[in-house]
Each structure stands twice: as C-alpha cells, then as structure tokens.
Amino acid sequence: MKIFQELKQAFGVKIITDVHEASQAQPVSEVVDVIQLPAFLARQTDLVEAMAKTGAVINVKKPQFVSPGSDGQHR
C-alpha cells in the first residue's frame, strides 16, 4: 500500500489495482482510486460482496462466461 500512496503523492495519478481476496478489499480501497475484480474471480461471491461493501469504485473485468448481451439466464 505504501508504494501506491507514494505514486499518488509524487505524480498525482489515479491508481487502479486488482483485489484477489475479500480481506484485501477494505484496506486497498482506502488507498487506491479504483479496485478491480479480475475476470477469473468474478464468481467468488465473498470477494464481490467485500468489494461492494467498501463503497469504492469497482471495475469488473468481463469473464469469458459472460457475453455482451447476456442477461445471466441460460436458455
């Protein structure tokens, strides 16, 4: 987390980074501007819920099992 803080202060840039475990969601969200859910973890509901509870901006990478027109229902 320290390196993210140093980059933001030194260069005034926005930071986005992946979160891989539910326990990382809150501390990471306090430092970076956007937390990102990797596509391969999109079905990990505990991680998704932990990220949502932070109130942070979340970027969700589109998993292979979701098509652009998918409504989440199998036909």
PDB file of N, CA and C in Angstrom:
ATOM      1  N   MET A   1       0.815  -1.181   0.000  1.00  0.00           N
ATOM      2  CA  MET A   1       0.000   0.000   0.000  1.00  0.00           C
ATOM      3  C   MET A   1       0.868   1.257   0.000  1.00  0.00           C
ATOM      4  N   LYS A   2       2.007   1.144   0.623  1.00  0.00           N
ATOM      5  CA  LYS A   2       2.892   2.306   0.710  1.00  0.00           C
ATOM      6  C   LYS A   2       3.315   2.791  -0.673  1.00  0.00           C
ATOM      7  N   ILE A   3       3.622   1.876  -1.573  1.00  0.00           N
ATOM      8  CA  ILE A   3       4.062   2.279  -2.915  1.00  0.00           C
ATOM      9  C   ILE A   3       2.946   3.006  -3.662  1.00  0.00           C
ATOM     10  N   PHE A   4       1.704   2.561  -3.477  1.00  0.00           N
ATOM     11  CA  PHE A   4       0.575   3.245  -4.116  1.00  0.00           C
ATOM     12  C   PHE A   4       0.451   4.668  -3.592  1.00  0.00           C
ATOM     13  N   GLN A   5       0.574   4.845  -2.284  1.00  0.00           N
ATOM     14  CA  GLN A   5       0.498   6.181  -1.695  1.00  0.00           C
ATOM     15  C   GLN A   5       1.620   7.077  -2.220  1.00  0.00           C
ATOM     16  N   GLU A   6       2.813   6.519  -2.323  1.00  0.00           N
ATOM     17  CA  GLU A   6       3.953   7.292  -2.812  1.00  0.00           C
ATOM     18  C   GLU A   6       3.759   7.711  -4.269  1.00  0.00           C
ATOM     19  N   LEU A   7       3.238   6.814  -5.100  1.00  0.00           N
ATOM     20  CA  LEU A   7       2.989   7.139  -6.507  1.00  0.00           C
ATOM     21  C   LEU A   7       1.949   8.247  -6.648  1.00  0.00           C
ATOM     22  N   LYS A   8       0.866   8.146  -5.872  1.00  0.00           N
ATOM     23  CA  LYS A   8      -0.181   9.170  -5.930  1.00  0.00           C
ATOM     24  C   LYS A   8       0.368  10.537  -5.531  1.00  0.00           C
ATOM     25  N   GLN A   9       1.165  10.566  -4.472  1.00  0.00           N
ATOM     26  CA  GLN A   9       1.714  11.831  -3.990  1.00  0.00           C
ATOM     27  C   GLN A   9       2.765  12.396  -4.939  1.00  0.00           C
ATOM     28  N   ALA A  10       3.628  11.541  -5.442  1.00  0.00           N
ATOM     29  CA  ALA A  10       4.728  12.008  -6.285  1.00  0.00           C
ATOM     30  C   ALA A  10       4.268  12.473  -7.663  1.00  0.00           C
ATOM     31  N   PHE A  11       3.285  11.764  -8.233  1.00  0.00           N
ATOM     32  CA  PHE A  11       2.898  12.044  -9.619  1.00  0.00           C
ATOM     33  C   PHE A  11       1.464  12.547  -9.785  1.00  0.00           C
ATOM     34  N   GLY A  12       0.679  12.508  -8.727  1.00  0.00           N
ATOM     35  CA  GLY A  12      -0.698  12.971  -8.805  1.00  0.00           C
ATOM     36  C   GLY A  12      -1.566  12.139  -9.735  1.00  0.00           C
ATOM     37  N   VAL A  13      -1.273  10.848  -9.814  1.00  0.00           N
ATOM     38  CA  VAL A  13      -2.021   9.962 -10.712  1.00  0.00           C
ATOM     39  C   VAL A  13      -3.091   9.188  -9.955  1.00  0.00           C
ATOM     40  N   LYS A  14      -4.086   8.731 -10.693  1.00  0.00           N
ATOM     41  CA  LYS A  14      -5.108   7.843 -10.141  1.00  0.00           C
ATOM     42  C   LYS A  14      -4.556   6.419 -10.185  1.00  0.00           C
ATOM     43  N   ILE A  15      -4.905   5.618  -9.189  1.00  0.00           N
ATOM     44  CA  ILE A  15      -4.392   4.252  -9.089  1.00  0.00           C
ATOM     45  C   ILE A  15      -5.549   3.261  -9.159  1.00  0.00           C
ATOM     46  N   ILE A  16      -5.378   2.225  -9.994  1.00  0.00           N
ATOM     47  CA  ILE A  16      -6.314   1.107 -10.079  1.00  0.00           C
ATOM     48  C   ILE A  16      -5.508  -0.166  -9.858  1.00  0.00           C
ATOM     49  N   THR A  17      -6.047  -1.089  -9.073  1.00  0.00           N
ATOM     50  CA  THR A  17      -5.351  -2.353  -8.849  1.00  0.00           C
ATOM     51  C   THR A  17      -6.352  -3.461  -8.553  1.00  0.00           C
ATOM     52  N   ASP A  18      -5.931  -4.682  -8.850  1.00  0.00           N
ATOM     53  CA  ASP A  18      -6.759  -5.860  -8.593  1.00  0.00           C
ATOM     54  C   ASP A  18      -6.818  -6.172  -7.104  1.00  0.00           C
ATOM     55  N   VAL A  19      -7.930  -6.779  -6.708  1.00  0.00           N
ATOM     56  CA  VAL A  19      -8.094  -7.335  -5.368  1.00  0.00           C
ATOM     57  C   VAL A  19      -8.371  -8.821  -5.564  1.00  0.00           C
ATOM     58  N   HIS A  20      -7.636  -9.673  -4.846  1.00  0.00           N
ATOM     59  CA  HIS A  20      -7.764 -11.116  -5.041  1.00  0.00           C
ATOM     60  C   HIS A  20      -8.392 -11.851  -3.865  1.00  0.00           C
ATOM     61  N   GLU A  21      -8.476 -11.211  -2.704  1.00  0.00           N
ATOM     62  CA  GLU A  21      -9.056 -11.836  -1.519  1.00  0.00           C
ATOM     63  C   GLU A  21      -9.968 -10.838  -0.825  1.00  0.00           C
ATOM     64  N   ALA A  22     -11.035 -11.356  -0.221  1.00  0.00           N
ATOM     65  CA  ALA A  22     -12.008 -10.494   0.448  1.00  0.00           C
ATOM     66  C   ALA A  22     -11.350  -9.614   1.512  1.00  0.00           C
ATOM     67  N   SER A  23     -10.377 -10.147   2.213  1.00  0.00           N
ATOM     68  CA  SER A  23      -9.713  -9.383   3.281  1.00  0.00           C
ATOM     69  C   SER A  23      -8.903  -8.198   2.750  1.00  0.00           C
ATOM     70  N   GLN A  24      -8.600  -8.186   1.469  1.00  0.00           N
ATOM     71  CA  GLN A  24      -7.838  -7.084   0.869  1.00  0.00           C
ATOM     72  C   GLN A  24      -8.723  -5.903   0.475  1.00  0.00           C
ATOM     73  N   ALA A  25     -10.004  -6.141   0.305  1.00  0.00           N
ATOM     74  CA  ALA A  25     -10.893  -5.133  -0.279  1.00  0.00           C
ATOM     75  C   ALA A  25     -10.876  -3.803   0.477  1.00  0.00           C
ATOM     76  N   GLN A  26     -11.122  -3.819   1.770  1.00  0.00           N
ATOM     77  CA  GLN A  26     -11.213  -2.573   2.532  1.00  0.00           C
ATOM     78  C   GLN A  26      -9.883  -1.824   2.596  1.00  0.00           C
ATOM     79  N   PRO A  27      -8.789  -2.480   3.003  1.00  0.00           N
ATOM     80  CA  PRO A  27      -7.536  -1.716   3.075  1.00  0.00           C
ATOM     81  C   PRO A  27      -7.067  -1.175   1.723  1.00  0.00           C
ATOM     82  N   VAL A  28      -7.266  -1.930   0.668  1.00  0.00           N
ATOM     83  CA  VAL A  28      -6.858  -1.465  -0.661  1.00  0.00           C
ATOM     84  C   VAL A  28      -7.719  -0.279  -1.087  1.00  0.00           C
ATOM     85  N   SER A  29      -9.020  -0.357  -0.822  1.00  0.00           N
ATOM     86  CA  SER A  29      -9.934   0.717  -1.235  1.00  0.00           C
ATOM     87  C   SER A  29      -9.637   2.042  -0.539  1.00  0.00           C
ATOM     88  N   GLU A  30      -8.976   1.993   0.595  1.00  0.00           N
ATOM     89  CA  GLU A  30      -8.638   3.214   1.328  1.00  0.00           C
ATOM     90  C   GLU A  30      -7.452   3.956   0.714  1.00  0.00           C
ATOM     91  N   VAL A  31      -6.723   3.288  -0.174  1.00  0.00           N
ATOM     92  CA  VAL A  31      -5.525   3.890  -0.760  1.00  0.00           C
ATOM     93  C   VAL A  31      -5.687   4.185  -2.248  1.00  0.00           C
ATOM     94  N   VAL A  32      -6.254   3.243  -2.993  1.00  0.00           N
ATOM     95  CA  VAL A  32      -6.348   3.407  -4.448  1.00  0.00           C
ATOM     96  C   VAL A  32      -7.661   4.078  -4.839  1.00  0.00           C
ATOM     97  N   ASP A  33      -7.750   4.500  -6.089  1.00  0.00           N
ATOM     98  CA  ASP A  33      -8.950   5.180  -6.577  1.00  0.00           C
ATOM     99  C   ASP A  33      -9.995   4.208  -7.105  1.00  0.00           C
ATOM    100  N   VAL A  34      -9.547   3.090  -7.662  1.00  0.00           N
ATOM    101  CA  VAL A  34     -10.449   2.081  -8.225  1.00  0.00           C
ATOM    102  C   VAL A  34      -9.926   0.707  -7.848  1.00  0.00           C
ATOM    103  N   ILE A  35     -10.811  -0.139  -7.308  1.00  0.00           N
ATOM    104  CA  ILE A  35     -10.428  -1.527  -7.076  1.00  0.00           C
ATOM    105  C   ILE A  35     -11.010  -2.360  -8.212  1.00  0.00           C
ATOM    106  N   GLN A  36     -10.254  -3.345  -8.629  1.00  0.00           N
ATOM    107  CA  GLN A  36     -10.616  -4.109  -9.821  1.00  0.00           C
ATOM    108  C   GLN A  36     -10.799  -5.581  -9.479  1.00  0.00           C
ATOM    109  N   LEU A  37     -11.886  -6.156 -10.006  1.00  0.00           N
ATOM    110  CA  LEU A  37     -12.178  -7.575  -9.827  1.00  0.00           C
ATOM    111  C   LEU A  37     -11.679  -8.328 -11.051  1.00  0.00           C
ATOM    112  N   PRO A  38     -10.675  -9.190 -10.888  1.00  0.00           N
ATOM    113  CA  PRO A  38     -10.184  -9.962 -12.027  1.00  0.00           C
ATOM    114  C   PRO A  38     -11.268 -10.893 -12.573  1.00  0.00           C
ATOM    115  N   ALA A  39     -11.265 -11.107 -13.874  1.00  0.00           N
ATOM    116  CA  ALA A  39     -12.284 -11.938 -14.522  1.00  0.00           C
ATOM    117  C   ALA A  39     -12.350 -13.329 -13.919  1.00  0.00           C
ATOM    118  N   PHE A  40     -11.207 -13.918 -13.630  1.00  0.00           N
ATOM    119  CA  PHE A  40     -11.211 -15.290 -13.122  1.00  0.00           C
ATOM    120  C   PHE A  40     -11.731 -15.400 -11.692  1.00  0.00           C
ATOM    121  N   LEU A  41     -11.959 -14.273 -11.018  1.00  0.00           N
ATOM    122  CA  LEU A  41     -12.508 -14.286  -9.658  1.00  0.00           C
ATOM    123  C   LEU A  41     -13.945 -13.769  -9.600  1.00  0.00           C
ATOM    124  N   ALA A  42     -14.557 -13.538 -10.743  1.00  0.00           N
ATOM    125  CA  ALA A  42     -15.890 -12.932 -10.786  1.00  0.00           C
ATOM    126  C   ALA A  42     -16.979 -13.784 -10.143  1.00  0.00           C
ATOM    127  N   ARG A  43     -16.753 -15.069 -10.002  1.00  0.00           N
ATOM    128  CA  ARG A  43     -17.749 -15.945  -9.364  1.00  0.00           C
ATOM    129  C   ARG A  43     -17.514 -16.121  -7.868  1.00  0.00           C
ATOM    130  N   GLN A  44     -16.517 -15.467  -7.337  1.00  0.00           N
ATOM    131  CA  GLN A  44     -16.225 -15.549  -5.904  1.00  0.00           C
ATOM    132  C   GLN A  44     -17.102 -14.525  -5.181  1.00  0.00           C
ATOM    133  N   THR A  45     -18.292 -14.968  -4.780  1.00  0.00           N
ATOM    134  CA  THR A  45     -19.270 -14.031  -4.231  1.00  0.00           C
ATOM    135  C   THR A  45     -18.799 -13.354  -2.951  1.00  0.00           C
ATOM    136  N   ASP A  46     -17.991 -14.021  -2.142  1.00  0.00           N
ATOM    137  CA  ASP A  46     -17.492 -13.375  -0.931  1.00  0.00           C
ATOM    138  C   ASP A  46     -16.584 -12.194  -1.276  1.00  0.00           C
ATOM    139  N   LEU A  47     -15.808 -12.335  -2.327  1.00  0.00           N
ATOM    140  CA  LEU A  47     -14.939 -11.249  -2.777  1.00  0.00           C
ATOM    141  C   LEU A  47     -15.760 -10.108  -3.367  1.00  0.00           C
ATOM    142  N   VAL A  48     -16.729 -10.437  -4.198  1.00  0.00           N
ATOM    143  CA  VAL A  48     -17.591  -9.418  -4.808  1.00  0.00           C
ATOM    144  C   VAL A  48     -18.322  -8.637  -3.718  1.00  0.00           C
ATOM    145  N   GLU A  49     -18.852  -9.340  -2.734  1.00  0.00           N
ATOM    146  CA  GLU A  49     -19.573  -8.688  -1.640  1.00  0.00           C
ATOM    147  C   GLU A  49     -18.645  -7.783  -0.820  1.00  0.00           C
ATOM    148  N   ALA A  50     -17.455  -8.262  -0.514  1.00  0.00           N
ATOM    149  CA  ALA A  50     -16.496  -7.458   0.258  1.00  0.00           C
ATOM    150  C   ALA A  50     -16.114  -6.187  -0.493  1.00  0.00           C
ATOM    151  N   MET A  51     -15.936  -6.307  -1.800  1.00  0.00           N
ATOM    152  CA  MET A  51     -15.599  -5.135  -2.604  1.00  0.00           C
ATOM    153  C   MET A  51     -16.759  -4.143  -2.620  1.00  0.00           C
ATOM    154  N   ALA A  52     -17.974  -4.646  -2.765  1.00  0.00           N
ATOM    155  CA  ALA A  52     -19.152  -3.773  -2.800  1.00  0.00           C
ATOM    156  C   ALA A  52     -19.327  -3.020  -1.485  1.00  0.00           C
ATOM    157  N   LYS A  53     -19.037  -3.669  -0.380  1.00  0.00           N
ATOM    158  CA  LYS A  53     -19.207  -3.050   0.936  1.00  0.00           C
ATOM    159  C   LYS A  53     -18.240  -1.895   1.184  1.00  0.00           C
ATOM    160  N   THR A  54     -17.169  -1.801   0.412  1.00  0.00           N
ATOM    161  CA  THR A  54     -16.205  -0.711   0.614  1.00  0.00           C
ATOM    162  C   THR A  54     -16.761   0.638   0.174  1.00  0.00           C
ATOM    163  N   GLY A  55     -17.710   0.625  -0.761  1.00  0.00           N
ATOM    164  CA  GLY A  55     -18.225   1.871  -1.307  1.00  0.00           C
ATOM    165  C   GLY A  55     -17.308   2.481  -2.350  1.00  0.00           C
ATOM    166  N   ALA A  56     -16.231   1.785  -2.676  1.00  0.00           N
ATOM    167  CA  ALA A  56     -15.258   2.275  -3.658  1.00  0.00           C
ATOM    168  C   ALA A  56     -15.762   2.061  -5.082  1.00  0.00           C
ATOM    169  N   VAL A  57     -15.125   2.739  -6.013  1.00  0.00           N
ATOM    170  CA  VAL A  57     -15.374   2.496  -7.429  1.00  0.00           C
ATOM    171  C   VAL A  57     -14.776   1.133  -7.750  1.00  0.00           C
ATOM    172  N   ILE A  58     -15.554   0.292  -8.456  1.00  0.00           N
ATOM    173  CA  ILE A  58     -15.109  -1.062  -8.788  1.00  0.00           C
ATOM    174  C   ILE A  58     -15.149  -1.253 -10.294  1.00  0.00           C
ATOM    175  N   ASN A  59     -14.069  -1.771 -10.833  1.00  0.00           N
ATOM    176  CA  ASN A  59     -14.023  -2.165 -12.237  1.00  0.00           C
ATOM    177  C   ASN A  59     -14.069  -3.688 -12.267  1.00  0.00           C
ATOM    178  N   VAL A  60     -15.045  -4.233 -12.992  1.00  0.00           N
ATOM    179  CA  VAL A  60     -15.179  -5.681 -13.105  1.00  0.00           C
ATOM    180  C   VAL A  60     -14.724  -6.089 -14.492  1.00  0.00           C
ATOM    181  N   LYS A  61     -13.672  -6.877 -14.550  1.00  0.00           N
ATOM    182  CA  LYS A  61     -13.225  -7.397 -15.841  1.00  0.00           C
ATOM    183  C   LYS A  61     -14.242  -8.435 -16.289  1.00  0.00           C
ATOM    184  N   LYS A  62     -14.595  -8.421 -17.565  1.00  0.00           N
ATOM    185  CA  LYS A  62     -15.628  -9.321 -18.080  1.00  0.00           C
ATOM    186  C   LYS A  62     -15.100 -10.744 -18.188  1.00  0.00           C
ATOM    187  N   PRO A  63     -15.722 -11.655 -17.439  1.00  0.00           N
ATOM    188  CA  PRO A  63     -15.312 -13.058 -17.531  1.00  0.00           C
ATOM    189  C   PRO A  63     -15.709 -13.670 -18.874  1.00  0.00           C
ATOM    190  N   GLN A  64     -15.023 -14.719 -19.281  1.00  0.00           N
ATOM    191  CA  GLN A  64     -15.309 -15.400 -20.540  1.00  0.00           C
ATOM    192  C   GLN A  64     -16.714 -15.981 -20.581  1.00  0.00           C
ATOM    193  N   PHE A  65     -17.272 -16.335 -19.412  1.00  0.00           N
ATOM    194  CA  PHE A  65     -18.591 -16.957 -19.393  1.00  0.00           C
ATOM    195  C   PHE A  65     -19.728 -15.949 -19.521  1.00  0.00           C
ATOM    196  N   VAL A  66     -19.427 -14.671 -19.673  1.00  0.00           N
ATOM    197  CA  VAL A  66     -20.448 -13.641 -19.830  1.00  0.00           C
ATOM    198  C   VAL A  66     -20.285 -13.001 -21.203  1.00  0.00           C
ATOM    199  N   SER A  67     -21.350 -13.045 -21.991  1.00  0.00           N
ATOM    200  CA  SER A  67     -21.316 -12.398 -23.300  1.00  0.00           C
ATOM    201  C   SER A  67     -21.880 -10.985 -23.174  1.00  0.00           C
ATOM    202  N   PRO A  68     -21.582 -10.108 -24.120  1.00  0.00           N
ATOM    203  CA  PRO A  68     -22.071  -8.729 -24.026  1.00  0.00           C
ATOM    204  C   PRO A  68     -23.591  -8.621 -23.902  1.00  0.00           C
ATOM    205  N   GLY A  69     -24.345  -9.522 -24.542  1.00  0.00           N
ATOM    206  CA  GLY A  69     -25.797  -9.465 -24.486  1.00  0.00           C
ATOM    207  C   GLY A  69     -26.407 -10.383 -23.446  1.00  0.00           C
ATOM    208  N   SER A  70     -25.574 -10.990 -22.630  1.00  0.00           N
ATOM    209  CA  SER A  70     -26.056 -11.960 -21.649  1.00  0.00           C
ATOM    210  C   SER A  70     -26.889 -11.284 -20.564  1.00  0.00           C
ATOM    211  N   ASP A  71     -28.001 -11.914 -20.233  1.00  0.00           N
ATOM    212  CA  ASP A  71     -28.822 -11.411 -19.134  1.00  0.00           C
ATOM    213  C   ASP A  71     -28.689 -12.305 -17.908  1.00  0.00           C
ATOM    214  N   GLY A  72     -27.731 -13.227 -17.962  1.00  0.00           N
ATOM    215  CA  GLY A  72     -27.486 -14.091 -16.818  1.00  0.00           C
ATOM    216  C   GLY A  72     -28.366 -15.316 -16.764  1.00  0.00           C
ATOM    217  N   GLN A  73     -29.233 -15.494 -17.757  1.00  0.00           N
ATOM    218  CA  GLN A  73     -30.123 -16.652 -17.766  1.00  0.00           C
ATOM    219  C   GLN A  73     -29.723 -17.595 -18.887  1.00  0.00           C
ATOM    220  N   HIS A  74     -29.757 -18.878 -18.567  1.00  0.00           N
ATOM    221  CA  HIS A  74     -29.449 -19.885 -19.581  1.00  0.00           C
ATOM    222  C   HIS A  74     -30.707 -20.206 -20.365  1.00  0.00           C
ATOM    223  N   ARG A  75     -30.576 -20.399 -21.637  1.00  0.00           N
ATOM    224  CA  ARG A  75     -31.736 -20.714 -22.480  1.00  0.00           C
ATOM    225  C   ARG A  75     -31.565 -22.053 -23.113  1.00  0.00           C
TER     226      ARG A  75
END
